[in-house]
Amino acid sequence: MKKAQGNSTLSRRRIIKGAGVLAAGIAAPAFLRIRSAYAAYPERPVKIVVANTPGGPSDIVGRITAAALEQATGKTFIIENRGGAGSNIGMGYVARSDPDGYTILLATNAYSVNATLYNSIPYDPLKDFVGVSELATSPNTIVVKSDLSAKTVKEFVALARANPEKFNCATPPIGTTPQIQLEVLKLRENLPKLEDVVFKGGGDAIQALLSGTTQLSSGSLPPAAQHIKAGTLRCLAFTGETRWPDMPDVPTMAEAGYPDFVFATDTVLMAPAKTPPENVKWLEQETLKVLSTPEMKEKLYKAGFQVRPKGADAAWARVSKEIAMFKDIIDKSGMKKL
């Protein structure tokens, strides 16, 4: 009996041990597969959605960033432009995409503006996204063709008041900071007849000014920079906090007699809220690496941007703060909700 009992106990031990080995053999590869999947990200192209048309400031930053990430990581990054509806089409598209890290958003300040400006938007600005990284910032501009007699913003305002039917202004989409700053200027100077001609992107708006379709452009610096330097366009003022180093003779709006008139075009990478944190972290780290290189800083500066290498937490903090800030601006300016 004792011997039999010993054999029975031994058998049970062997069975348990064997089961443990089998379980370990099953579990270990599964664990390794999970770790391998994370380590391999991204295994296929990462799509960066720019919620504006080609040629505008966000598109310029997106293409420079995508190229730098490809070179640095050996992975594939592609730009997909989805402009329209004040950037809401592109932002809504990314919000509804699979949260796997393979579709991310390159957003401008329109993300924060639209939360108040529109009665309905296809994403929840506080719940549907997480920050990845700040990218770059650029001051906005007030620009005319060089053959116009106005040399300052005040001189342009005088012309527009004297001939209200002859002047209009090109801006990028409704809800962008250039479009909002025009509305603020119109309210401050009582220019209700200065029509806002809205285009899908900053590049389109500058082309309208160059062709004579409009007489003024309120936009970011990058699409206008080469034309200003060539002498085709004249920058009346920057809306940043300081003068732009390459154009030291152009005043800020504050210097031109408009205190508290500070607007910029900021760019930030964001991902759908349920994207695996490991993938977000990888994107954050690799983006910050390329932004820190002298080559990247030079490329963006030549394009009219200053690098803003801040991580996911700082990016999300700025976006969240701006949602409240732009709500205050829109409410006080009396802008009509869309």
Protein backbone atom coordinates (compact mmCIF):
# COMPACT_ATOMS: atom_id res chain seq x y z
CA MET A 1 0.00 0.00 0.00
CA LYS A 2 2.73 2.44 0.96
CA LYS A 3 4.66 1.59 -2.17
CA ALA A 4 1.59 2.04 -4.30
CA GLN A 5 0.85 5.31 -2.59
CA GLY A 6 4.41 6.46 -3.27
CA ASN A 7 4.08 5.55 -6.91
CA SER A 8 0.78 7.42 -7.08
CA THR A 9 2.33 10.50 -5.48
CA LEU A 10 5.30 10.33 -7.81
CA SER A 11 3.02 10.02 -10.80
CA ARG A 12 1.03 13.04 -9.73
CA ARG A 13 4.24 14.99 -9.28
CA ARG A 14 5.37 14.03 -12.77
CA ILE A 15 2.02 15.05 -14.20
CA ILE A 16 2.09 18.39 -12.41
CA LYS A 17 5.70 18.98 -13.42
CA GLY A 18 4.94 18.03 -16.98
CA ALA A 19 1.95 20.32 -17.05
CA GLY A 20 4.09 23.13 -15.70
CA VAL A 21 6.67 22.61 -18.40
CA LEU A 22 3.94 22.49 -21.03
CA ALA A 23 2.33 25.65 -19.69
CA ALA A 24 5.67 27.40 -19.63
CA GLY A 25 6.34 26.23 -23.15
CA ILE A 26 3.05 27.72 -24.29
CA ALA A 27 3.25 30.91 -22.25
CA ALA A 28 6.84 31.82 -23.01
CA PRO A 29 6.44 32.06 -26.81
CA ALA A 30 3.22 34.06 -26.32
CA PHE A 31 5.03 36.47 -24.03
CA LEU A 32 7.90 36.70 -26.45
CA ARG A 33 5.49 37.33 -29.31
CA ILE A 34 3.92 40.24 -27.41
CA ARG A 35 7.30 41.77 -26.63
CA SER A 36 8.41 41.17 -30.20
CA ALA A 37 5.29 42.92 -31.55
CA TYR A 38 5.99 46.00 -29.47
CA ALA A 39 9.67 45.98 -30.34
CA ALA A 40 8.92 45.70 -34.04
CA TYR A 41 6.64 48.74 -34.16
CA PRO A 42 6.25 50.14 -36.69
CA GLU A 43 6.17 47.09 -38.96
CA ARG A 44 4.39 48.94 -41.77
CA PRO A 45 4.15 52.58 -42.91
CA VAL A 46 2.96 55.15 -40.40
CA LYS A 47 0.48 57.57 -41.93
CA ILE A 48 0.68 61.19 -40.74
CA VAL A 49 -2.60 62.88 -41.59
CA VAL A 50 -2.36 66.61 -42.28
CA ALA A 51 -5.81 68.12 -41.94
CA ASN A 52 -5.08 70.76 -44.60
CA THR A 53 -4.23 70.93 -48.29
CA PRO A 54 -0.67 70.61 -49.65
CA GLY A 55 1.58 73.65 -49.51
CA GLY A 56 0.32 75.11 -46.26
CA PRO A 57 2.32 75.40 -43.02
CA SER A 58 1.20 72.12 -41.46
CA ASP A 59 1.93 70.28 -44.70
CA ILE A 60 5.43 71.79 -44.85
CA VAL A 61 6.20 70.74 -41.27
CA GLY A 62 4.69 67.31 -41.86
CA ARG A 63 6.81 66.54 -44.90
CA ILE A 64 10.04 67.75 -43.29
CA THR A 65 9.29 65.71 -40.16
CA ALA A 66 8.29 62.57 -42.06
CA ALA A 67 11.49 62.66 -44.11
CA ALA A 68 13.62 63.12 -41.00
CA LEU A 69 11.91 60.24 -39.19
CA GLU A 70 12.40 57.95 -42.17
CA GLN A 71 16.10 58.78 -42.36
CA ALA A 72 16.65 58.40 -38.62
CA THR A 73 14.66 55.22 -38.01
CA GLY A 74 14.72 53.37 -41.31
CA LYS A 75 10.93 53.09 -41.08
CA THR A 76 8.36 54.42 -43.55
CA PHE A 77 6.32 57.56 -42.87
CA ILE A 78 3.85 58.96 -45.37
CA ILE A 79 1.84 62.19 -45.47
CA GLU A 80 -1.85 62.10 -46.30
CA ASN A 81 -3.63 65.42 -46.81
CA ARG A 82 -7.27 65.52 -45.72
CA GLY A 83 -8.27 69.17 -45.81
CA GLY A 84 -11.70 70.71 -45.62
CA ALA A 85 -14.33 71.91 -43.13
CA GLY A 86 -11.81 73.96 -41.19
CA SER A 87 -9.59 70.88 -40.68
CA ASN A 88 -12.47 68.93 -39.13
CA ILE A 89 -12.49 66.32 -41.89
CA GLY A 90 -8.92 65.24 -41.27
CA MET A 91 -9.18 65.40 -37.49
CA GLY A 92 -12.40 63.40 -37.49
CA TYR A 93 -10.85 60.82 -39.80
CA VAL A 94 -7.95 60.18 -37.42
CA ALA A 95 -10.25 60.12 -34.38
CA ARG A 96 -12.20 57.27 -36.00
CA SER A 97 -9.15 55.36 -37.28
CA ASP A 98 -7.77 52.22 -35.67
CA PRO A 99 -5.84 53.23 -32.52
CA ASP A 100 -2.78 51.18 -33.41
CA GLY A 101 -0.16 53.87 -33.96
CA TYR A 102 -0.26 53.61 -37.75
CA THR A 103 -2.52 56.63 -38.30
CA ILE A 104 -1.62 59.80 -36.41
CA LEU A 105 -2.59 63.45 -36.72
CA LEU A 106 -0.50 66.51 -37.39
CA ALA A 107 -2.69 69.21 -35.86
CA THR A 108 -2.50 72.99 -35.74
CA ASN A 109 -4.26 75.36 -33.35
CA ALA A 110 -7.45 74.65 -35.28
CA TYR A 111 -7.81 71.58 -33.07
CA SER A 112 -8.34 73.82 -30.02
CA VAL A 113 -10.22 76.57 -31.85
CA ASN A 114 -12.83 74.28 -33.37
CA ALA A 115 -13.91 73.02 -29.97
CA THR A 116 -15.68 76.37 -29.49
CA LEU A 117 -16.08 77.76 -33.00
CA TYR A 118 -18.22 74.90 -34.31
CA ASN A 119 -21.52 73.81 -32.86
CA SER A 120 -20.64 70.24 -33.75
CA ILE A 121 -17.31 68.60 -34.55
CA PRO A 122 -16.52 64.95 -35.42
CA TYR A 123 -14.26 64.37 -32.41
CA ASP A 124 -14.18 65.03 -28.69
CA PRO A 125 -11.22 67.39 -28.21
CA LEU A 126 -10.64 66.29 -24.62
CA LYS A 127 -11.15 62.53 -24.97
CA ASP A 128 -10.39 61.29 -28.48
CA PHE A 129 -6.67 62.07 -28.71
CA VAL A 130 -3.43 61.98 -26.75
CA GLY A 131 -0.34 64.09 -27.33
CA VAL A 132 2.76 62.70 -29.04
CA SER A 133 5.07 65.67 -29.48
CA GLU A 134 5.18 69.38 -30.17
CA LEU A 135 6.90 70.05 -33.49
CA ALA A 136 7.36 73.68 -34.47
CA THR A 137 5.81 77.13 -34.31
CA SER A 138 5.66 80.04 -36.71
CA PRO A 139 4.45 83.63 -36.31
CA ASN A 140 1.51 84.70 -38.43
CA THR A 141 1.75 87.56 -40.91
CA ILE A 142 -0.21 90.42 -42.42
CA VAL A 143 0.90 90.58 -46.07
CA VAL A 144 0.12 92.62 -49.21
CA LYS A 145 1.51 92.72 -52.73
CA SER A 146 4.54 94.96 -53.01
CA ASP A 147 2.86 97.28 -55.54
CA LEU A 148 0.20 98.32 -53.02
CA SER A 149 0.86 101.74 -51.52
CA ALA A 150 0.33 100.62 -47.91
CA LYS A 151 3.58 100.19 -45.99
CA THR A 152 2.03 99.53 -42.54
CA VAL A 153 -1.08 97.88 -41.13
CA LYS A 154 -2.50 101.29 -40.20
CA GLU A 155 -2.01 102.49 -43.79
CA PHE A 156 -3.82 99.42 -45.12
CA VAL A 157 -6.69 100.03 -42.70
CA ALA A 158 -6.96 103.61 -44.00
CA LEU A 159 -7.18 102.34 -47.59
CA ALA A 160 -9.80 99.75 -46.66
CA ARG A 161 -11.91 102.37 -44.89
CA ALA A 162 -11.70 104.78 -47.81
CA ASN A 163 -12.58 102.10 -50.40
CA PRO A 164 -14.37 99.31 -48.52
CA GLU A 165 -15.64 97.62 -51.70
CA LYS A 166 -12.16 97.22 -53.18
CA PHE A 167 -10.45 95.22 -50.47
CA ASN A 168 -10.73 91.67 -49.21
CA CYS A 169 -8.41 89.25 -47.43
CA ALA A 170 -7.30 85.69 -48.10
CA THR A 171 -7.02 83.34 -45.14
CA PRO A 172 -6.57 79.62 -44.60
CA PRO A 173 -9.54 77.63 -43.24
CA ILE A 174 -12.03 78.96 -40.72
CA GLY A 175 -10.76 78.26 -37.23
CA THR A 176 -7.07 78.64 -38.01
CA THR A 177 -5.25 81.34 -36.07
CA PRO A 178 -4.67 83.47 -39.23
CA GLN A 179 -8.41 83.47 -39.90
CA ILE A 180 -9.23 84.34 -36.30
CA GLN A 181 -6.67 87.14 -36.17
CA LEU A 182 -8.29 88.73 -39.23
CA GLU A 183 -11.66 88.70 -37.47
CA VAL A 184 -10.07 90.33 -34.43
CA LEU A 185 -8.45 93.00 -36.63
CA LYS A 186 -11.78 93.74 -38.33
CA LEU A 187 -13.49 94.14 -34.98
CA ARG A 188 -10.76 96.38 -33.54
CA GLU A 189 -10.66 98.62 -36.60
CA ASN A 190 -14.38 98.47 -37.44
CA LEU A 191 -13.93 97.00 -40.91
CA PRO A 192 -17.10 94.93 -41.41
CA LYS A 193 -16.85 95.11 -45.22
CA LEU A 194 -13.34 93.68 -45.36
CA GLU A 195 -14.41 90.32 -46.72
CA ASP A 196 -12.71 87.17 -45.49
CA VAL A 197 -12.07 84.90 -48.48
CA VAL A 198 -11.39 81.49 -46.98
CA PHE A 199 -9.22 78.90 -48.74
CA LYS A 200 -8.52 75.26 -47.94
CA GLY A 201 -4.91 75.95 -47.05
CA GLY A 202 -2.29 78.64 -46.52
CA GLY A 203 -0.64 77.93 -49.87
CA ASP A 204 -3.91 78.51 -51.71
CA ALA A 205 -4.46 81.76 -49.82
CA ILE A 206 -1.05 83.13 -50.81
CA GLN A 207 -1.67 82.20 -54.46
CA ALA A 208 -4.90 84.20 -54.33
CA LEU A 209 -2.97 87.26 -53.14
CA LEU A 210 -0.28 86.79 -55.80
CA SER A 211 -2.90 86.51 -58.55
CA GLY A 212 -4.74 89.65 -57.39
CA THR A 213 -7.87 87.80 -56.31
CA THR A 214 -7.40 89.35 -52.87
CA GLN A 215 -5.52 92.45 -51.69
CA LEU A 216 -4.44 91.21 -48.26
CA SER A 217 -3.36 87.91 -46.75
CA SER A 218 -3.60 86.93 -43.11
CA GLY A 219 -1.57 83.77 -42.86
CA SER A 220 1.37 81.97 -41.38
CA LEU A 221 4.91 82.81 -42.46
CA PRO A 222 6.01 79.65 -44.37
CA PRO A 223 3.82 79.95 -47.50
CA ALA A 224 4.65 83.66 -47.82
CA ALA A 225 8.32 83.67 -46.81
CA GLN A 226 9.92 83.06 -50.22
CA HIS A 227 7.70 85.71 -51.87
CA ILE A 228 8.51 88.26 -49.16
CA LYS A 229 12.23 87.63 -49.56
CA ALA A 230 11.89 87.87 -53.35
CA GLY A 231 10.17 91.25 -53.02
CA THR A 232 6.90 90.13 -54.61
CA LEU A 233 5.00 90.47 -51.33
CA ARG A 234 5.41 92.94 -48.47
CA CYS A 235 4.98 91.84 -44.87
CA LEU A 236 3.31 94.66 -42.94
CA ALA A 237 3.65 92.99 -39.55
CA PHE A 238 4.27 89.77 -37.68
CA THR A 239 1.82 88.60 -35.06
CA GLY A 240 4.44 86.82 -32.96
CA GLU A 241 5.85 88.08 -29.69
CA THR A 242 9.13 89.12 -31.32
CA ARG A 243 10.42 90.09 -34.74
CA TRP A 244 11.50 87.34 -37.10
CA PRO A 245 15.33 87.16 -37.25
CA ASP A 246 15.48 87.03 -41.07
CA MET A 247 13.25 90.10 -41.40
CA PRO A 248 14.35 92.48 -38.65
CA ASP A 249 12.76 95.52 -40.29
CA VAL A 250 9.21 94.10 -40.05
CA PRO A 251 7.49 95.11 -36.79
CA THR A 252 5.29 92.98 -34.60
CA MET A 253 1.61 93.88 -34.37
CA ALA A 254 2.25 95.18 -30.85
CA GLU A 255 4.91 97.51 -32.23
CA ALA A 256 2.51 98.54 -35.00
CA GLY A 257 -0.01 99.80 -32.44
CA TYR A 258 -2.00 96.65 -31.65
CA PRO A 259 -1.29 95.55 -28.07
CA ASP A 260 -2.09 91.96 -27.07
CA PHE A 261 -2.28 90.96 -30.74
CA VAL A 262 -0.25 87.75 -30.61
CA PHE A 263 -1.12 84.77 -32.79
CA ALA A 264 0.99 81.92 -34.12
CA THR A 265 0.66 78.69 -36.08
CA ASP A 266 1.70 75.81 -33.86
CA THR A 267 2.06 72.21 -35.00
CA VAL A 268 1.75 69.09 -32.86
CA LEU A 269 1.59 65.34 -33.39
CA MET A 270 -1.35 63.55 -31.78
CA ALA A 271 -2.62 59.97 -31.76
CA PRO A 272 -6.04 58.37 -31.20
CA ALA A 273 -6.67 58.05 -27.46
CA LYS A 274 -6.52 54.24 -27.27
CA THR A 275 -3.23 53.91 -29.14
CA PRO A 276 -0.89 51.54 -27.22
CA PRO A 277 1.25 53.65 -24.87
CA GLU A 278 4.36 51.82 -26.07
CA ASN A 279 3.75 52.99 -29.63
CA VAL A 280 3.05 56.57 -28.52
CA LYS A 281 6.26 56.54 -26.50
CA TRP A 282 8.27 55.29 -29.47
CA LEU A 283 6.85 58.04 -31.68
CA GLU A 284 7.53 60.65 -29.00
CA GLN A 285 11.13 59.61 -28.46
CA GLU A 286 12.01 59.33 -32.14
CA THR A 287 10.36 62.66 -32.97
CA LEU A 288 12.19 64.47 -30.18
CA LYS A 289 15.47 62.97 -31.39
CA VAL A 290 15.10 64.30 -34.92
CA LEU A 291 13.88 67.69 -33.71
CA SER A 292 17.04 68.10 -31.64
CA THR A 293 19.40 67.83 -34.62
CA PRO A 294 20.96 70.96 -36.13
CA GLU A 295 19.90 69.80 -39.60
CA MET A 296 16.23 69.65 -38.60
CA LYS A 297 16.35 73.04 -36.88
CA GLU A 298 17.91 74.58 -39.99
CA LYS A 299 15.40 73.04 -42.40
CA LEU A 300 12.42 74.18 -40.36
CA TYR A 301 13.86 77.64 -39.82
CA LYS A 302 14.44 78.10 -43.54
CA ALA A 303 10.81 77.12 -44.03
CA GLY A 304 9.67 79.76 -41.54
CA PHE A 305 9.43 77.72 -38.35
CA GLN A 306 11.20 77.54 -35.04
CA VAL A 307 11.55 74.07 -33.51
CA ARG A 308 9.53 73.38 -30.37
CA PRO A 309 10.83 70.00 -29.11
CA LYS A 310 8.41 69.18 -26.30
CA GLY A 311 7.11 65.75 -25.37
CA ALA A 312 3.66 64.24 -25.09
CA ASP A 313 2.70 65.68 -21.71
CA ALA A 314 3.74 69.23 -22.63
CA ALA A 315 2.03 68.95 -26.01
CA TRP A 316 -1.25 67.88 -24.47
CA ALA A 317 -1.01 70.54 -21.75
CA ARG A 318 -0.70 73.31 -24.37
CA VAL A 319 -3.56 71.98 -26.46
CA SER A 320 -5.84 71.69 -23.42
CA LYS A 321 -4.95 75.21 -22.26
CA GLU A 322 -5.61 76.62 -25.72
CA ILE A 323 -9.10 75.14 -25.85
CA ALA A 324 -10.08 77.42 -22.95
CA MET A 325 -8.03 80.36 -24.28
CA PHE A 326 -9.62 80.35 -27.73
CA LYS A 327 -13.07 79.93 -26.23
CA ASP A 328 -12.49 83.20 -24.39
CA ILE A 329 -11.24 84.95 -27.56
CA ILE A 330 -14.15 83.70 -29.68
CA ASP A 331 -16.75 84.58 -27.07
CA LYS A 332 -15.38 88.09 -26.54
CA SER A 333 -14.92 88.81 -30.24
CA GLY A 334 -18.49 87.88 -31.02
CA MET A 335 -17.54 85.52 -33.82
CA LYS A 336 -20.48 83.62 -35.19
CA LYS A 337 -20.54 79.91 -34.34
CA LEU A 338 -20.50 77.54 -37.30
